[in-house]
Amino acid sequence: MKIFEVIMLLCFGAAWPFSVYKSYRSRTAKGKSLIFLLALVAGYISGIINNVINGANYVLFFYALNLLLVSADTALYFRNRRLDGAAGER
């Protein structure tokens, strides 16, 4: 049943808006793991590919939404790392 996959994605995805907001506001990459973020991106991409190959359905939306949020957090990681570097040069 796909409903349990959707519940899993909703549970995992529930924390990402808060993480993105915290990354944006904190302006630091400290405490973030790039390897962890990239592993999540790879996992969500794999889930999307699986759903496309096996017949796209409503679950695809939830994978795409989570991928978007994790990608935003990853982009903020690079911004914050640059800001950390600039602060260290002062």
C-alpha atoms as a PDB file:
ATOM      1  CA  MET A   1       0.000   0.000   0.000  1.00  0.00           C
ATOM      2  CA  LYS A   2       1.252   3.422  -0.890  1.00  0.00           C
ATOM      3  CA  ILE A   3      -0.436   5.076   2.098  1.00  0.00           C
ATOM      4  CA  PHE A   4       2.354   3.946   4.420  1.00  0.00           C
ATOM      5  CA  GLU A   5       4.954   5.347   2.042  1.00  0.00           C
ATOM      6  CA  VAL A   6       3.104   8.672   2.075  1.00  0.00           C
ATOM      7  CA  ILE A   7       2.974   8.648   5.892  1.00  0.00           C
ATOM      8  CA  MET A   8       6.724   7.965   6.009  1.00  0.00           C
ATOM      9  CA  LEU A   9       7.397  10.844   3.613  1.00  0.00           C
ATOM     10  CA  LEU A  10       5.136  13.177   5.587  1.00  0.00           C
ATOM     11  CA  CYS A  11       6.905  12.285   8.834  1.00  0.00           C
ATOM     12  CA  PHE A  12      10.354  12.809   7.320  1.00  0.00           C
ATOM     13  CA  GLY A  13       9.218  15.946   5.516  1.00  0.00           C
ATOM     14  CA  ALA A  14       7.610  17.571   8.552  1.00  0.00           C
ATOM     15  CA  ALA A  15      10.958  18.662   9.964  1.00  0.00           C
ATOM     16  CA  TRP A  16      12.403  20.158   6.772  1.00  0.00           C
ATOM     17  CA  PRO A  17      10.577  23.510   6.774  1.00  0.00           C
ATOM     18  CA  PHE A  18      11.924  24.136  10.286  1.00  0.00           C
ATOM     19  CA  SER A  19      15.429  23.081   9.278  1.00  0.00           C
ATOM     20  CA  VAL A  20      15.373  25.368   6.229  1.00  0.00           C
ATOM     21  CA  TYR A  21      14.143  28.272   8.371  1.00  0.00           C
ATOM     22  CA  LYS A  22      16.807  27.618  11.013  1.00  0.00           C
ATOM     23  CA  SER A  23      19.528  27.433   8.348  1.00  0.00           C
ATOM     24  CA  TYR A  24      18.334  30.684   6.826  1.00  0.00           C
ATOM     25  CA  ARG A  25      18.161  32.544  10.137  1.00  0.00           C
ATOM     26  CA  SER A  26      21.336  31.167  11.742  1.00  0.00           C
ATOM     27  CA  ARG A  27      23.598  32.136   8.829  1.00  0.00           C
ATOM     28  CA  THR A  28      26.075  29.408   9.806  1.00  0.00           C
ATOM     29  CA  ALA A  29      26.805  25.915   8.511  1.00  0.00           C
ATOM     30  CA  LYS A  30      27.929  24.734  11.943  1.00  0.00           C
ATOM     31  CA  GLY A  31      26.006  21.656  12.997  1.00  0.00           C
ATOM     32  CA  LYS A  32      25.037  20.707   9.434  1.00  0.00           C
ATOM     33  CA  SER A  33      26.392  17.679   7.609  1.00  0.00           C
ATOM     34  CA  LEU A  34      26.789  17.999   3.853  1.00  0.00           C
ATOM     35  CA  ILE A  35      27.159  14.219   3.512  1.00  0.00           C
ATOM     36  CA  PHE A  36      23.855  13.700   5.333  1.00  0.00           C
ATOM     37  CA  LEU A  37      22.069  16.260   3.154  1.00  0.00           C
ATOM     38  CA  LEU A  38      23.465  14.750  -0.046  1.00  0.00           C
ATOM     39  CA  ALA A  39      22.483  11.241   1.089  1.00  0.00           C
ATOM     40  CA  LEU A  40      18.925  12.479   1.564  1.00  0.00           C
ATOM     41  CA  VAL A  41      18.924  14.136  -1.860  1.00  0.00           C
ATOM     42  CA  ALA A  42      20.125  10.865  -3.413  1.00  0.00           C
ATOM     43  CA  GLY A  43      17.450   8.919  -1.538  1.00  0.00           C
ATOM     44  CA  TYR A  44      14.640  11.196  -2.634  1.00  0.00           C
ATOM     45  CA  ILE A  45      15.875  11.147  -6.244  1.00  0.00           C
ATOM     46  CA  SER A  46      15.922   7.344  -6.076  1.00  0.00           C
ATOM     47  CA  GLY A  47      12.356   7.349  -4.770  1.00  0.00           C
ATOM     48  CA  ILE A  48      11.274   9.619  -7.609  1.00  0.00           C
ATOM     49  CA  ILE A  49      12.982   7.411 -10.213  1.00  0.00           C
ATOM     50  CA  ASN A  50      11.366   4.327  -8.688  1.00  0.00           C
ATOM     51  CA  ASN A  51       7.916   5.896  -8.890  1.00  0.00           C
ATOM     52  CA  VAL A  52       8.435   7.072 -12.464  1.00  0.00           C
ATOM     53  CA  ILE A  53       9.654   3.631 -13.597  1.00  0.00           C
ATOM     54  CA  ASN A  54       6.868   1.788 -11.794  1.00  0.00           C
ATOM     55  CA  GLY A  55       4.099   4.187 -12.790  1.00  0.00           C
ATOM     56  CA  ALA A  56       4.018   7.701 -11.405  1.00  0.00           C
ATOM     57  CA  ASN A  57       1.366   8.235  -8.770  1.00  0.00           C
ATOM     58  CA  TYR A  58       0.442  10.638  -5.998  1.00  0.00           C
ATOM     59  CA  VAL A  59       3.467   9.521  -3.929  1.00  0.00           C
ATOM     60  CA  LEU A  60       5.717  11.238  -6.476  1.00  0.00           C
ATOM     61  CA  PHE A  61       4.474  14.636  -5.239  1.00  0.00           C
ATOM     62  CA  PHE A  62       5.667  13.931  -1.695  1.00  0.00           C
ATOM     63  CA  TYR A  63       9.092  12.786  -2.871  1.00  0.00           C
ATOM     64  CA  ALA A  64       9.408  15.927  -4.994  1.00  0.00           C
ATOM     65  CA  LEU A  65       8.328  18.173  -2.118  1.00  0.00           C
ATOM     66  CA  ASN A  66      10.864  16.613   0.263  1.00  0.00           C
ATOM     67  CA  LEU A  67      13.558  16.834  -2.413  1.00  0.00           C
ATOM     68  CA  LEU A  68      12.795  20.529  -2.875  1.00  0.00           C
ATOM     69  CA  LEU A  69      13.074  21.217   0.857  1.00  0.00           C
ATOM     70  CA  VAL A  70      16.291  19.222   1.317  1.00  0.00           C
ATOM     71  CA  SER A  71      17.766  20.909  -1.764  1.00  0.00           C
ATOM     72  CA  ALA A  72      16.911  24.318  -0.295  1.00  0.00           C
ATOM     73  CA  ASP A  73      18.630  23.340   2.959  1.00  0.00           C
ATOM     74  CA  THR A  74      21.649  22.127   0.958  1.00  0.00           C
ATOM     75  CA  ALA A  75      21.833  25.433  -0.927  1.00  0.00           C
ATOM     76  CA  LEU A  76      21.663  27.275   2.393  1.00  0.00           C
ATOM     77  CA  TYR A  77      24.486  25.081   3.681  1.00  0.00           C
ATOM     78  CA  PHE A  78      26.750  26.383   0.911  1.00  0.00           C
ATOM     79  CA  ARG A  79      25.626  29.978   1.502  1.00  0.00           C
ATOM     80  CA  ASN A  80      26.220  29.641   5.223  1.00  0.00           C
ATOM     81  CA  ARG A  81      29.592  28.002   4.711  1.00  0.00           C
ATOM     82  CA  ARG A  82      30.622  30.964   2.567  1.00  0.00           C
ATOM     83  CA  LEU A  83      29.372  33.313   5.310  1.00  0.00           C
ATOM     84  CA  ASP A  84      31.327  31.324   7.926  1.00  0.00           C
ATOM     85  CA  GLY A  85      34.457  31.728   5.802  1.00  0.00           C
ATOM     86  CA  ALA A  86      33.899  35.459   5.386  1.00  0.00           C
ATOM     87  CA  ALA A  87      33.386  35.873   9.138  1.00  0.00           C
ATOM     88  CA  GLY A  88      36.622  33.991   9.813  1.00  0.00           C
ATOM     89  CA  GLU A  89      38.591  36.327   7.561  1.00  0.00           C
ATOM     90  CA  ARG A  90      37.689  39.418   9.582  1.00  0.00           C
END
